[in-house]
Amino acid sequence: QVHLVESGGGLVQAGGSLRVSCAASGTIRSINAMGWYRQAPGKQRELVAIITSGGRTNYADSVKGRFTISSDSAKNTVYLQMNSLKPEDTAVYYCRFTVVVVPTPNAYNYWGQGTQVTVSS
């Protein structure tokens, strides 16, 4: 099994910065991709940013130029640096890992528990 633990959310004023982290542990053979999603009250969960094992990244248009996703493969950890935060960035942020789990050759998606990010105006 794979377990994801998120940290780093909180309350920040508009224009401020936060960094959230997500670390994976368990029977991991390899990690294909790591991503951040968010869900605001009354809205569907949406992709914020994703990074592949090859280092390719993709961002939602709403966060391009403000958010940066990065990873540390040695620590099985993904980070999301959020700058110039806006009130509309307020949401619960979830990480998701696509993991090949020992002893199978198959990849599965695992989710973190979510961390609240609140941006005040």
C-alpha atoms as a PDB file:
ATOM      1  CA  GLN A   1       0.000   0.000   0.000  1.00  0.00           C
ATOM      2  CA  VAL A   2       0.933   3.624  -0.479  1.00  0.00           C
ATOM      3  CA  HIS A   3       0.296   6.411   1.988  1.00  0.00           C
ATOM      4  CA  LEU A   4       0.469  10.132   1.187  1.00  0.00           C
ATOM      5  CA  VAL A   5       0.913  12.818   3.823  1.00  0.00           C
ATOM      6  CA  GLU A   6       0.390  16.477   2.994  1.00  0.00           C
ATOM      7  CA  SER A   7       1.602  19.483   4.913  1.00  0.00           C
ATOM      8  CA  GLY A   8       2.000  23.222   4.614  1.00  0.00           C
ATOM      9  CA  GLY A   9      -1.451  24.647   4.096  1.00  0.00           C
ATOM     10  CA  GLY A  10      -2.764  27.592   6.055  1.00  0.00           C
ATOM     11  CA  LEU A  11      -4.092  31.126   6.001  1.00  0.00           C
ATOM     12  CA  VAL A  12      -2.372  33.863   4.039  1.00  0.00           C
ATOM     13  CA  GLN A  13      -3.255  37.332   2.821  1.00  0.00           C
ATOM     14  CA  ALA A  14      -3.753  38.036  -0.843  1.00  0.00           C
ATOM     15  CA  GLY A  15      -0.428  38.518  -2.563  1.00  0.00           C
ATOM     16  CA  GLY A  16       1.324  36.227  -0.139  1.00  0.00           C
ATOM     17  CA  SER A  17       3.000  32.857  -0.609  1.00  0.00           C
ATOM     18  CA  LEU A  18       2.628  29.336   0.685  1.00  0.00           C
ATOM     19  CA  ARG A  19       4.318  26.031  -0.037  1.00  0.00           C
ATOM     20  CA  VAL A  20       2.562  22.716   0.342  1.00  0.00           C
ATOM     21  CA  SER A  21       4.292  19.353   0.379  1.00  0.00           C
ATOM     22  CA  CYS A  22       3.211  15.768  -0.094  1.00  0.00           C
ATOM     23  CA  ALA A  23       5.343  12.760   0.791  1.00  0.00           C
ATOM     24  CA  ALA A  24       4.632   9.190  -0.236  1.00  0.00           C
ATOM     25  CA  SER A  25       5.600   6.046   1.590  1.00  0.00           C
ATOM     26  CA  GLY A  26       4.924   2.352   1.138  1.00  0.00           C
ATOM     27  CA  THR A  27       5.615  -0.390  -1.362  1.00  0.00           C
ATOM     28  CA  ILE A  28       6.592   1.903  -4.231  1.00  0.00           C
ATOM     29  CA  ARG A  29       8.324   0.485  -7.276  1.00  0.00           C
ATOM     30  CA  SER A  30       8.249   3.736  -9.224  1.00  0.00           C
ATOM     31  CA  ILE A  31       6.299   6.963  -9.466  1.00  0.00           C
ATOM     32  CA  ASN A  32       4.985   7.904 -12.881  1.00  0.00           C
ATOM     33  CA  ALA A  33       3.524  11.289 -12.022  1.00  0.00           C
ATOM     34  CA  MET A  34       2.712  13.573  -9.120  1.00  0.00           C
ATOM     35  CA  GLY A  35       0.073  16.248  -9.146  1.00  0.00           C
ATOM     36  CA  TRP A  36      -1.827  18.802  -7.163  1.00  0.00           C
ATOM     37  CA  TYR A  37      -5.569  19.274  -7.372  1.00  0.00           C
ATOM     38  CA  ARG A  38      -7.882  21.588  -5.512  1.00  0.00           C
ATOM     39  CA  GLN A  39     -11.530  21.738  -4.614  1.00  0.00           C
ATOM     40  CA  ALA A  40     -13.305  24.881  -3.540  1.00  0.00           C
ATOM     41  CA  PRO A  41     -16.680  24.759  -1.775  1.00  0.00           C
ATOM     42  CA  GLY A  42     -19.451  23.957  -4.215  1.00  0.00           C
ATOM     43  CA  LYS A  43     -17.040  23.285  -7.058  1.00  0.00           C
ATOM     44  CA  GLN A  44     -15.573  20.237  -8.697  1.00  0.00           C
ATOM     45  CA  ARG A  45     -12.034  19.133  -7.992  1.00  0.00           C
ATOM     46  CA  GLU A  46      -9.678  20.560 -10.602  1.00  0.00           C
ATOM     47  CA  LEU A  47      -6.121  19.965 -11.688  1.00  0.00           C
ATOM     48  CA  VAL A  48      -3.685  22.631 -10.524  1.00  0.00           C
ATOM     49  CA  ALA A  49      -0.327  21.261 -11.643  1.00  0.00           C
ATOM     50  CA  ILE A  50       1.318  17.984 -12.528  1.00  0.00           C
ATOM     51  CA  ILE A  51       4.888  16.765 -12.918  1.00  0.00           C
ATOM     52  CA  THR A  52       5.948  13.529 -14.566  1.00  0.00           C
ATOM     53  CA  SER A  53       8.842  11.273 -13.687  1.00  0.00           C
ATOM     54  CA  GLY A  54      10.651  12.803 -16.646  1.00  0.00           C
ATOM     55  CA  GLY A  55      10.239  16.279 -15.213  1.00  0.00           C
ATOM     56  CA  ARG A  56       7.583  17.561 -17.578  1.00  0.00           C
ATOM     57  CA  THR A  57       5.134  19.939 -15.972  1.00  0.00           C
ATOM     58  CA  ASN A  58       1.687  21.189 -16.796  1.00  0.00           C
ATOM     59  CA  TYR A  59      -0.327  23.908 -15.090  1.00  0.00           C
ATOM     60  CA  ALA A  60      -3.880  25.121 -15.033  1.00  0.00           C
ATOM     61  CA  ASP A  61      -4.159  28.420 -16.861  1.00  0.00           C
ATOM     62  CA  SER A  62      -5.367  30.102 -13.682  1.00  0.00           C
ATOM     63  CA  VAL A  63      -2.074  29.442 -11.865  1.00  0.00           C
ATOM     64  CA  LYS A  64       0.510  29.742 -14.641  1.00  0.00           C
ATOM     65  CA  GLY A  65       3.262  32.140 -13.692  1.00  0.00           C
ATOM     66  CA  ARG A  66       2.286  32.073 -10.008  1.00  0.00           C
ATOM     67  CA  PHE A  67       2.589  28.427  -8.936  1.00  0.00           C
ATOM     68  CA  THR A  68       5.547  26.097  -9.366  1.00  0.00           C
ATOM     69  CA  ILE A  69       5.463  22.337  -8.958  1.00  0.00           C
ATOM     70  CA  SER A  70       8.650  20.453  -8.143  1.00  0.00           C
ATOM     71  CA  SER A  71       9.661  17.083  -6.798  1.00  0.00           C
ATOM     72  CA  ASP A  72      12.389  15.273  -4.901  1.00  0.00           C
ATOM     73  CA  SER A  73      12.550  11.714  -6.159  1.00  0.00           C
ATOM     74  CA  ALA A  74      14.860  10.595  -3.364  1.00  0.00           C
ATOM     75  CA  LYS A  75      12.218  11.605  -0.834  1.00  0.00           C
ATOM     76  CA  ASN A  76       9.158  10.643  -2.934  1.00  0.00           C
ATOM     77  CA  THR A  77       7.934  14.145  -2.303  1.00  0.00           C
ATOM     78  CA  VAL A  78       6.182  16.740  -4.415  1.00  0.00           C
ATOM     79  CA  TYR A  79       5.966  20.432  -3.649  1.00  0.00           C
ATOM     80  CA  LEU A  80       3.738  23.240  -4.804  1.00  0.00           C
ATOM     81  CA  GLN A  81       5.109  26.737  -4.340  1.00  0.00           C
ATOM     82  CA  MET A  82       2.258  29.216  -4.533  1.00  0.00           C
ATOM     83  CA  ASN A  83       3.065  32.900  -5.003  1.00  0.00           C
ATOM     84  CA  SER A  84       0.892  35.952  -5.583  1.00  0.00           C
ATOM     85  CA  LEU A  85      -2.018  34.126  -4.022  1.00  0.00           C
ATOM     86  CA  LYS A  86      -5.536  35.333  -4.695  1.00  0.00           C
ATOM     87  CA  PRO A  87      -8.751  34.795  -2.740  1.00  0.00           C
ATOM     88  CA  GLU A  88      -9.991  32.575  -5.575  1.00  0.00           C
ATOM     89  CA  ASP A  89      -7.123  30.186  -4.816  1.00  0.00           C
ATOM     90  CA  THR A  90      -8.877  29.288  -1.561  1.00  0.00           C
ATOM     91  CA  ALA A  91      -9.588  25.559  -1.592  1.00  0.00           C
ATOM     92  CA  VAL A  92      -8.614  22.210  -0.166  1.00  0.00           C
ATOM     93  CA  TYR A  93      -5.485  21.105  -2.001  1.00  0.00           C
ATOM     94  CA  TYR A  94      -4.966  17.413  -2.660  1.00  0.00           C
ATOM     95  CA  CYS A  95      -1.905  15.650  -3.972  1.00  0.00           C
ATOM     96  CA  ARG A  96      -2.175  12.646  -6.220  1.00  0.00           C
ATOM     97  CA  PHE A  97       0.558  10.180  -7.093  1.00  0.00           C
ATOM     98  CA  THR A  98       0.448   7.655  -9.922  1.00  0.00           C
ATOM     99  CA  VAL A  99       2.485   4.803  -8.526  1.00  0.00           C
ATOM    100  CA  VAL A 100       3.650   1.391  -9.681  1.00  0.00           C
ATOM    101  CA  VAL A 101       3.323  -0.724  -6.572  1.00  0.00           C
ATOM    102  CA  VAL A 102       5.502  -3.698  -5.663  1.00  0.00           C
ATOM    103  CA  PRO A 103       5.072  -6.515  -6.709  1.00  0.00           C
ATOM    104  CA  THR A 104       2.673  -5.610  -9.550  1.00  0.00           C
ATOM    105  CA  PRO A 105       3.524  -3.999 -12.901  1.00  0.00           C
ATOM    106  CA  ASN A 106       0.399  -1.853 -12.674  1.00  0.00           C
ATOM    107  CA  ALA A 107       0.090   1.840 -11.864  1.00  0.00           C
ATOM    108  CA  TYR A 108      -2.488   3.101  -9.400  1.00  0.00           C
ATOM    109  CA  ASN A 109      -3.581   6.545  -8.288  1.00  0.00           C
ATOM    110  CA  TYR A 110      -3.324   7.510  -4.633  1.00  0.00           C
ATOM    111  CA  TRP A 111      -4.638  10.665  -3.006  1.00  0.00           C
ATOM    112  CA  GLY A 112      -3.498  12.694  -0.038  1.00  0.00           C
ATOM    113  CA  GLN A 113      -5.886  13.676   2.731  1.00  0.00           C
ATOM    114  CA  GLY A 114      -6.068  17.300   1.621  1.00  0.00           C
ATOM    115  CA  THR A 115      -4.780  20.503   3.164  1.00  0.00           C
ATOM    116  CA  GLN A 116      -6.730  23.743   3.459  1.00  0.00           C
ATOM    117  CA  VAL A 117      -5.376  26.860   1.806  1.00  0.00           C
ATOM    118  CA  THR A 118      -7.246  30.050   2.625  1.00  0.00           C
ATOM    119  CA  VAL A 119      -6.389  33.378   1.031  1.00  0.00           C
ATOM    120  CA  SER A 120      -7.922  36.436   2.646  1.00  0.00           C
ATOM    121  CA  SER A 121      -8.604  39.634   0.734  1.00  0.00           C
END
